[in-house]
Amino acid sequence: HLRVHILPFPRINEGRVQELLQEGLARSQGAPPATRGD
């Protein structure tokens, strides 16, 4: 944990996260509901 060469975690692009969420919601709206394998 004392090593200097570890890069900090990059910042998250909030706009891109929102785009991905909207795409996922759009895909799930048209897809049939997920069912359990039992």
All heavy atoms as atom14 arrays in JSON, in Angstrom:
{
  "sequence": "HLRVHILPFPRINEGRVQELLQEGLARSQGAPPATRGD",
  "atom14_mask": [
    [1, 1, 1, 1, 1, 1, 1, 1, 1, 1, 0, 0, 0, 0],
    [1, 1, 1, 1, 1, 1, 1, 1, 0, 0, 0, 0, 0, 0],
    [1, 1, 1, 1, 1, 1, 1, 1, 1, 1, 1, 0, 0, 0],
    [1, 1, 1, 1, 1, 1, 1, 0, 0, 0, 0, 0, 0, 0],
    [1, 1, 1, 1, 1, 1, 1, 1, 1, 1, 0, 0, 0, 0],
    [1, 1, 1, 1, 1, 1, 1, 1, 0, 0, 0, 0, 0, 0],
    [1, 1, 1, 1, 1, 1, 1, 1, 0, 0, 0, 0, 0, 0],
    [1, 1, 1, 1, 1, 1, 1, 0, 0, 0, 0, 0, 0, 0],
    [1, 1, 1, 1, 1, 1, 1, 1, 1, 1, 1, 0, 0, 0],
    [1, 1, 1, 1, 1, 1, 1, 0, 0, 0, 0, 0, 0, 0],
    [1, 1, 1, 1, 1, 1, 1, 1, 1, 1, 1, 0, 0, 0],
    [1, 1, 1, 1, 1, 1, 1, 1, 0, 0, 0, 0, 0, 0],
    [1, 1, 1, 1, 1, 1, 1, 1, 0, 0, 0, 0, 0, 0],
    [1, 1, 1, 1, 1, 1, 1, 1, 1, 0, 0, 0, 0, 0],
    [1, 1, 1, 1, 0, 0, 0, 0, 0, 0, 0, 0, 0, 0],
    [1, 1, 1, 1, 1, 1, 1, 1, 1, 1, 1, 0, 0, 0],
    [1, 1, 1, 1, 1, 1, 1, 0, 0, 0, 0, 0, 0, 0],
    [1, 1, 1, 1, 1, 1, 1, 1, 1, 0, 0, 0, 0, 0],
    [1, 1, 1, 1, 1, 1, 1, 1, 1, 0, 0, 0, 0, 0],
    [1, 1, 1, 1, 1, 1, 1, 1, 0, 0, 0, 0, 0, 0],
    [1, 1, 1, 1, 1, 1, 1, 1, 0, 0, 0, 0, 0, 0],
    [1, 1, 1, 1, 1, 1, 1, 1, 1, 0, 0, 0, 0, 0],
    [1, 1, 1, 1, 1, 1, 1, 1, 1, 0, 0, 0, 0, 0],
    [1, 1, 1, 1, 0, 0, 0, 0, 0, 0, 0, 0, 0, 0],
    [1, 1, 1, 1, 1, 1, 1, 1, 0, 0, 0, 0, 0, 0],
    [1, 1, 1, 1, 1, 0, 0, 0, 0, 0, 0, 0, 0, 0],
    [1, 1, 1, 1, 1, 1, 1, 1, 1, 1, 1, 0, 0, 0],
    [1, 1, 1, 1, 1, 1, 0, 0, 0, 0, 0, 0, 0, 0],
    [1, 1, 1, 1, 1, 1, 1, 1, 1, 0, 0, 0, 0, 0],
    [1, 1, 1, 1, 0, 0, 0, 0, 0, 0, 0, 0, 0, 0],
    [1, 1, 1, 1, 1, 0, 0, 0, 0, 0, 0, 0, 0, 0],
    [1, 1, 1, 1, 1, 1, 1, 0, 0, 0, 0, 0, 0, 0],
    [1, 1, 1, 1, 1, 1, 1, 0, 0, 0, 0, 0, 0, 0],
    [1, 1, 1, 1, 1, 0, 0, 0, 0, 0, 0, 0, 0, 0],
    [1, 1, 1, 1, 1, 1, 1, 0, 0, 0, 0, 0, 0, 0],
    [1, 1, 1, 1, 1, 1, 1, 1, 1, 1, 1, 0, 0, 0],
    [1, 1, 1, 1, 0, 0, 0, 0, 0, 0, 0, 0, 0, 0],
    [1, 1, 1, 1, 1, 1, 1, 1, 0, 0, 0, 0, 0, 0]
  ],
  "atom14_positions": [
    [[0.82, -1.22, 0.0], [0.0, 0.0, 0.0], [0.85, 1.27, 0.0], [0.37, 2.36, -0.25], [-0.95, 0.0, 1.2], [-0.25, 0.04, 2.52], [0.38, -1.08, 3.05], [-0.05, 1.05, 3.39], [0.92, -0.76, 4.21], [0.66, 0.54, 4.45], [0.0, 0.0, 0.0], [0.0, 0.0, 0.0], [0.0, 0.0, 0.0], [0.0, 0.0, 0.0]],
    [[2.14, 1.12, 0.27], [3.03, 2.28, 0.31], [3.68, 2.57, -1.04], [4.36, 3.58, -1.18], [4.12, 2.06, 1.37], [3.6, 1.86, 2.8], [4.76, 1.49, 3.72], [2.91, 3.11, 3.29], [0.0, 0.0, 0.0], [0.0, 0.0, 0.0], [0.0, 0.0, 0.0], [0.0, 0.0, 0.0], [0.0, 0.0, 0.0], [0.0, 0.0, 0.0]],
    [[3.48, 1.69, -2.0], [4.12, 1.88, -3.3], [3.55, 3.11, -4.01], [2.36, 3.37, -4.0], [3.92, 0.65, -4.17], [4.64, -0.54, -3.63], [4.62, -1.67, -4.63], [5.17, -2.86, -4.0], [4.63, -4.05, -4.06], [3.54, -4.24, -4.75], [5.18, -5.06, -3.44], [0.0, 0.0, 0.0], [0.0, 0.0, 0.0], [0.0, 0.0, 0.0]],
    [[4.45, 3.83, -4.7], [4.09, 5.06, -5.36], [3.52, 4.81, -6.76], [2.69, 5.57, -7.25], [5.31, 6.01, -5.44], [4.95, 7.31, -6.11], [5.9, 6.23, -4.07], [0.0, 0.0, 0.0], [0.0, 0.0, 0.0], [0.0, 0.0, 0.0], [0.0, 0.0, 0.0], [0.0, 0.0, 0.0], [0.0, 0.0, 0.0], [0.0, 0.0, 0.0]],
    [[3.89, 3.72, -7.41], [3.54, 3.51, -8.8], [2.07, 3.11, -9.03], [1.64, 2.99, -10.15], [4.47, 2.46, -9.43], [4.24, 1.08, -8.91], [4.78, 0.64, -7.73], [3.51, 0.06, -9.4], [4.41, -0.6, -7.51], [3.63, -0.98, -8.51], [0.0, 0.0, 0.0], [0.0, 0.0, 0.0], [0.0, 0.0, 0.0], [0.0, 0.0, 0.0]],
    [[1.29, 2.93, -7.99], [-0.12, 2.57, -8.15], [-0.89, 3.81, -8.57], [-0.88, 4.84, -7.9], [-0.71, 2.0, -6.85], [0.03, 0.71, -6.48], [-2.2, 1.75, -6.99], [-0.41, 0.1, -5.16], [0.0, 0.0, 0.0], [0.0, 0.0, 0.0], [0.0, 0.0, 0.0], [0.0, 0.0, 0.0], [0.0, 0.0, 0.0], [0.0, 0.0, 0.0]],
    [[-1.57, 3.68, -9.71], [-2.32, 4.82, -10.24], [-3.65, 4.97, -9.51], [-4.28, 3.96, -9.14], [-2.58, 4.61, -11.73], [-1.33, 4.48, -12.6], [-1.73, 4.14, -14.03], [-0.53, 5.78, -12.57], [0.0, 0.0, 0.0], [0.0, 0.0, 0.0], [0.0, 0.0, 0.0], [0.0, 0.0, 0.0], [0.0, 0.0, 0.0], [0.0, 0.0, 0.0]],
    [[-4.11, 6.18, -9.31], [-5.41, 6.36, -8.66], [-6.54, 5.88, -9.59], [-6.39, 5.87, -10.81], [-5.49, 7.87, -8.43], [-4.54, 8.46, -9.42], [-3.47, 7.45, -9.66], [0.0, 0.0, 0.0], [0.0, 0.0, 0.0], [0.0, 0.0, 0.0], [0.0, 0.0, 0.0], [0.0, 0.0, 0.0], [0.0, 0.0, 0.0], [0.0, 0.0, 0.0]],
    [[-7.63, 5.48, -8.99], [-8.78, 5.01, -9.76], [-9.33, 6.17, -10.59], [-9.52, 7.27, -10.07], [-9.85, 4.48, -8.81], [-10.9, 3.67, -9.49], [-10.64, 2.36, -9.86], [-12.15, 4.2, -9.77], [-11.61, 1.6, -10.49], [-13.12, 3.46, -10.4], [-12.84, 2.14, -10.76], [0.0, 0.0, 0.0], [0.0, 0.0, 0.0], [0.0, 0.0, 0.0]],
    [[-9.59, 5.92, -11.89], [-10.06, 7.04, -12.73], [-11.47, 7.49, -12.32], [-12.26, 6.73, -11.79], [-10.06, 6.44, -14.13], [-10.12, 4.98, -13.93], [-9.48, 4.68, -12.62], [0.0, 0.0, 0.0], [0.0, 0.0, 0.0], [0.0, 0.0, 0.0], [0.0, 0.0, 0.0], [0.0, 0.0, 0.0], [0.0, 0.0, 0.0], [0.0, 0.0, 0.0]],
    [[-11.77, 8.73, -12.65], [-13.1, 9.27, -12.36], [-14.11, 8.65, -13.3], [-13.82, 8.35, -14.45], [-13.11, 10.79, -12.55], [-12.4, 11.53, -11.44], [-12.97, 12.94, -11.43], [-12.9, 13.72, -10.28], [-13.41, 13.49, -9.08], [-13.98, 12.39, -8.81], [-13.33, 14.38, -8.13], [0.0, 0.0, 0.0], [0.0, 0.0, 0.0], [0.0, 0.0, 0.0]],
    [[-15.32, 8.47, -12.81], [-16.39, 7.88, -13.61], [-17.09, 8.98, -14.38], [-17.43, 10.03, -13.82], [-17.39, 7.13, -12.7], [-16.67, 5.96, -12.03], [-18.6, 6.67, -13.47], [-17.52, 5.2, -11.04], [0.0, 0.0, 0.0], [0.0, 0.0, 0.0], [0.0, 0.0, 0.0], [0.0, 0.0, 0.0], [0.0, 0.0, 0.0], [0.0, 0.0, 0.0]],
    [[-17.33, 8.73, -15.66], [-18.04, 9.67, -16.51], [-19.53, 9.48, -16.27], [-20.14, 8.52, -16.73], [-17.68, 9.39, -17.98], [-18.34, 10.36, -18.93], [-19.28, 11.06, -18.57], [-17.84, 10.4, -20.15], [0.0, 0.0, 0.0], [0.0, 0.0, 0.0], [0.0, 0.0, 0.0], [0.0, 0.0, 0.0], [0.0, 0.0, 0.0], [0.0, 0.0, 0.0]],
    [[-20.12, 10.41, -15.52], [-21.53, 10.28, -15.13], [-22.46, 10.27, -16.33], [-23.48, 9.57, -16.34], [-21.91, 11.39, -14.16], [-21.24, 11.24, -12.81], [-21.63, 12.34, -11.85], [-22.75, 12.88, -11.96], [-20.8, 12.67, -10.97], [0.0, 0.0, 0.0], [0.0, 0.0, 0.0], [0.0, 0.0, 0.0], [0.0, 0.0, 0.0], [0.0, 0.0, 0.0]],
    [[-22.15, 11.02, -17.36], [-22.98, 11.05, -18.57], [-23.02, 9.69, -19.24], [-24.07, 9.2, -19.66], [0.0, 0.0, 0.0], [0.0, 0.0, 0.0], [0.0, 0.0, 0.0], [0.0, 0.0, 0.0], [0.0, 0.0, 0.0], [0.0, 0.0, 0.0], [0.0, 0.0, 0.0], [0.0, 0.0, 0.0], [0.0, 0.0, 0.0], [0.0, 0.0, 0.0]],
    [[-21.84, 9.04, -19.33], [-21.77, 7.71, -19.97], [-22.52, 6.66, -19.14], [-23.18, 5.79, -19.69], [-20.3, 7.31, -20.15], [-20.09, 5.99, -20.81], [-20.57, 6.0, -22.26], [-20.37, 4.68, -22.84], [-21.23, 4.09, -23.64], [-22.32, 4.71, -24.02], [-20.99, 2.89, -24.09], [0.0, 0.0, 0.0], [0.0, 0.0, 0.0], [0.0, 0.0, 0.0]],
    [[-22.44, 6.76, -17.82], [-23.17, 5.84, -16.95], [-24.67, 5.98, -17.19], [-25.39, 4.98, -17.33], [-22.83, 6.1, -15.46], [-23.75, 5.33, -14.54], [-21.38, 5.74, -15.17], [0.0, 0.0, 0.0], [0.0, 0.0, 0.0], [0.0, 0.0, 0.0], [0.0, 0.0, 0.0], [0.0, 0.0, 0.0], [0.0, 0.0, 0.0], [0.0, 0.0, 0.0]],
    [[-25.17, 7.21, -17.29], [-26.6, 7.43, -17.55], [-27.01, 6.86, -18.9], [-28.08, 6.27, -19.05], [-26.94, 8.92, -17.46], [-26.93, 9.47, -16.05], [-27.92, 8.73, -15.14], [-29.0, 8.33, -15.56], [-27.52, 8.52, -13.91], [0.0, 0.0, 0.0], [0.0, 0.0, 0.0], [0.0, 0.0, 0.0], [0.0, 0.0, 0.0], [0.0, 0.0, 0.0]],
    [[-26.14, 7.04, -19.92], [-26.43, 6.48, -21.25], [-26.56, 4.96, -21.19], [-27.5, 4.38, -21.75], [-25.31, 6.84, -22.23], [-25.29, 8.27, -22.71], [-24.08, 8.53, -23.61], [-23.63, 7.6, -24.32], [-23.58, 9.66, -23.57], [0.0, 0.0, 0.0], [0.0, 0.0, 0.0], [0.0, 0.0, 0.0], [0.0, 0.0, 0.0], [0.0, 0.0, 0.0]],
    [[-25.62, 4.31, -20.5], [-25.66, 2.85, -20.39], [-26.91, 2.38, -19.64], [-27.53, 1.38, -20.01], [-24.39, 2.34, -19.69], [-23.09, 2.48, -20.48], [-21.89, 2.14, -19.61], [-23.12, 1.57, -21.71], [0.0, 0.0, 0.0], [0.0, 0.0, 0.0], [0.0, 0.0, 0.0], [0.0, 0.0, 0.0], [0.0, 0.0, 0.0], [0.0, 0.0, 0.0]],
    [[-27.29, 3.1, -18.59], [-28.5, 2.75, -17.85], [-29.74, 2.88, -18.73], [-30.61, 2.01, -18.73], [-28.65, 3.64, -16.61], [-27.72, 3.34, -15.44], [-27.87, 4.4, -14.36], [-27.99, 1.97, -14.88], [0.0, 0.0, 0.0], [0.0, 0.0, 0.0], [0.0, 0.0, 0.0], [0.0, 0.0, 0.0], [0.0, 0.0, 0.0], [0.0, 0.0, 0.0]],
    [[-29.81, 3.96, -19.5], [-30.96, 4.16, -20.39], [-31.02, 3.07, -21.46], [-32.09, 2.57, -21.78], [-30.91, 5.55, -21.03], [-31.08, 6.69, -20.05], [-32.39, 6.6, -19.27], [-33.41, 6.18, -19.8], [-32.35, 6.97, -18.0], [0.0, 0.0, 0.0], [0.0, 0.0, 0.0], [0.0, 0.0, 0.0], [0.0, 0.0, 0.0], [0.0, 0.0, 0.0]],
    [[-29.87, 2.71, -22.03], [-29.83, 1.63, -23.03], [-30.31, 0.32, -22.43], [-31.09, -0.42, -23.04], [-28.4, 1.45, -23.57], [-27.94, 2.53, -24.51], [-26.49, 2.33, -24.92], [-25.95, 1.21, -24.79], [-25.88, 3.32, -25.36], [0.0, 0.0, 0.0], [0.0, 0.0, 0.0], [0.0, 0.0, 0.0], [0.0, 0.0, 0.0], [0.0, 0.0, 0.0]],
    [[-29.84, 0.01, -21.24], [-30.25, -1.23, -20.57], [-31.74, -1.24, -20.28], [-32.41, -2.26, -20.46], [0.0, 0.0, 0.0], [0.0, 0.0, 0.0], [0.0, 0.0, 0.0], [0.0, 0.0, 0.0], [0.0, 0.0, 0.0], [0.0, 0.0, 0.0], [0.0, 0.0, 0.0], [0.0, 0.0, 0.0], [0.0, 0.0, 0.0], [0.0, 0.0, 0.0]],
    [[-32.29, -0.12, -19.81], [-33.73, -0.03, -19.55], [-34.53, -0.2, -20.83], [-35.56, -0.89, -20.85], [-34.07, 1.3, -18.89], [-33.71, 1.44, -17.42], [-33.94, 2.87, -16.93], [-34.54, 0.47, -16.59], [0.0, 0.0, 0.0], [0.0, 0.0, 0.0], [0.0, 0.0, 0.0], [0.0, 0.0, 0.0], [0.0, 0.0, 0.0], [0.0, 0.0, 0.0]],
    [[-34.07, 0.4, -21.92], [-34.78, 0.29, -23.2], [-34.78, -1.16, -23.67], [-35.79, -1.67, -24.16], [-34.14, 1.2, -24.25], [0.0, 0.0, 0.0], [0.0, 0.0, 0.0], [0.0, 0.0, 0.0], [0.0, 0.0, 0.0], [0.0, 0.0, 0.0], [0.0, 0.0, 0.0], [0.0, 0.0, 0.0], [0.0, 0.0, 0.0], [0.0, 0.0, 0.0]],
    [[-33.64, -1.85, -23.51], [-33.57, -3.26, -23.92], [-34.45, -4.14, -23.05], [-35.11, -5.04, -23.54], [-32.13, -3.75, -23.84], [-31.43, -3.72, -25.18], [-30.09, -4.4, -25.11], [-29.1, -3.36, -24.85], [-28.14, -3.4, -23.94], [-27.99, -4.48, -23.21], [-27.32, -2.41, -23.76], [0.0, 0.0, 0.0], [0.0, 0.0, 0.0], [0.0, 0.0, 0.0]],
    [[-34.48, -3.86, -21.74], [-35.26, -4.72, -20.84], [-36.76, -4.5, -20.99], [-37.56, -5.37, -20.68], [-34.85, -4.49, -19.4], [-35.22, -3.2, -18.97], [0.0, 0.0, 0.0], [0.0, 0.0, 0.0], [0.0, 0.0, 0.0], [0.0, 0.0, 0.0], [0.0, 0.0, 0.0], [0.0, 0.0, 0.0], [0.0, 0.0, 0.0], [0.0, 0.0, 0.0]],
    [[-37.19, -3.33, -21.48], [-38.62, -3.05, -21.67], [-39.21, -3.98, -22.73], [-40.32, -4.44, -22.61], [-38.82, -1.59, -22.06], [-38.28, -0.62, -21.06], [-39.35, 0.01, -20.22], [-40.47, 0.09, -20.63], [-38.99, 0.44, -19.03], [0.0, 0.0, 0.0], [0.0, 0.0, 0.0], [0.0, 0.0, 0.0], [0.0, 0.0, 0.0], [0.0, 0.0, 0.0]],
    [[-38.45, -4.27, -23.78], [-38.95, -5.1, -24.87], [-38.7, -6.58, -24.64], [-39.28, -7.43, -25.31], [0.0, 0.0, 0.0], [0.0, 0.0, 0.0], [0.0, 0.0, 0.0], [0.0, 0.0, 0.0], [0.0, 0.0, 0.0], [0.0, 0.0, 0.0], [0.0, 0.0, 0.0], [0.0, 0.0, 0.0], [0.0, 0.0, 0.0], [0.0, 0.0, 0.0]],
    [[-37.85, -6.91, -23.69], [-37.5, -8.32, -23.45], [-38.54, -8.97, -22.55], [-39.16, -8.32, -21.71], [-36.12, -8.4, -22.8], [0.0, 0.0, 0.0], [0.0, 0.0, 0.0], [0.0, 0.0, 0.0], [0.0, 0.0, 0.0], [0.0, 0.0, 0.0], [0.0, 0.0, 0.0], [0.0, 0.0, 0.0], [0.0, 0.0, 0.0], [0.0, 0.0, 0.0]],
    [[-38.75, -10.3, -22.72], [-39.68, -11.0, -21.81], [-39.09, -11.04, -20.4], [-37.87, -10.97, -20.23], [-39.76, -12.4, -22.42], [-38.53, -12.55, -23.24], [-38.16, -11.18, -23.7], [0.0, 0.0, 0.0], [0.0, 0.0, 0.0], [0.0, 0.0, 0.0], [0.0, 0.0, 0.0], [0.0, 0.0, 0.0], [0.0, 0.0, 0.0], [0.0, 0.0, 0.0]],
    [[-39.94, -11.12, -19.39], [-39.44, -11.13, -18.01], [-38.55, -12.35, -17.76], [-38.8, -13.43, -18.28], [-40.71, -11.18, -17.15], [-41.78, -11.65, -18.06], [-41.38, -11.26, -19.45], [0.0, 0.0, 0.0], [0.0, 0.0, 0.0], [0.0, 0.0, 0.0], [0.0, 0.0, 0.0], [0.0, 0.0, 0.0], [0.0, 0.0, 0.0], [0.0, 0.0, 0.0]],
    [[-37.52, -12.13, -16.98], [-36.6, -13.22, -16.66], [-37.28, -14.22, -15.73], [-38.03, -13.85, -14.83], [-35.35, -12.67, -15.99], [0.0, 0.0, 0.0], [0.0, 0.0, 0.0], [0.0, 0.0, 0.0], [0.0, 0.0, 0.0], [0.0, 0.0, 0.0], [0.0, 0.0, 0.0], [0.0, 0.0, 0.0], [0.0, 0.0, 0.0], [0.0, 0.0, 0.0]],
    [[-37.04, -15.5, -15.97], [-37.61, -16.54, -15.12], [-36.49, -17.35, -14.51], [-35.41, -17.44, -15.06], [-38.52, -17.47, -15.94], [-37.76, -18.05, -17.0], [-39.71, -16.72, -16.5], [0.0, 0.0, 0.0], [0.0, 0.0, 0.0], [0.0, 0.0, 0.0], [0.0, 0.0, 0.0], [0.0, 0.0, 0.0], [0.0, 0.0, 0.0], [0.0, 0.0, 0.0]],
    [[-36.79, -17.94, -13.38], [-35.81, -18.79, -12.72], [-35.7, -20.1, -13.47], [-36.63, -20.55, -14.1], [-36.23, -19.07, -11.28], [-36.06, -17.85, -10.39], [-36.35, -18.18, -8.99], [-35.32, -19.08, -8.5], [-35.35, -19.66, -7.33], [-36.35, -19.45, -6.54], [-34.4, -20.48, -6.95], [0.0, 0.0, 0.0], [0.0, 0.0, 0.0], [0.0, 0.0, 0.0]],
    [[-34.57, -20.74, -13.32], [-34.33, -22.0, -14.0], [-34.96, -23.19, -13.31], [-34.9, -24.3, -13.82], [0.0, 0.0, 0.0], [0.0, 0.0, 0.0], [0.0, 0.0, 0.0], [0.0, 0.0, 0.0], [0.0, 0.0, 0.0], [0.0, 0.0, 0.0], [0.0, 0.0, 0.0], [0.0, 0.0, 0.0], [0.0, 0.0, 0.0], [0.0, 0.0, 0.0]],
    [[-35.55, -22.99, -12.12], [-36.14, -24.11, -11.41], [-37.36, -24.63, -12.16], [-38.2, -23.86, -12.62], [-36.58, -23.68, -10.0], [-35.4, -23.28, -9.14], [-34.27, -23.72, -9.45], [-35.61, -22.53, -8.18], [0.0, 0.0, 0.0], [0.0, 0.0, 0.0], [0.0, 0.0, 0.0], [0.0, 0.0, 0.0], [0.0, 0.0, 0.0], [0.0, 0.0, 0.0]]
  ]
}
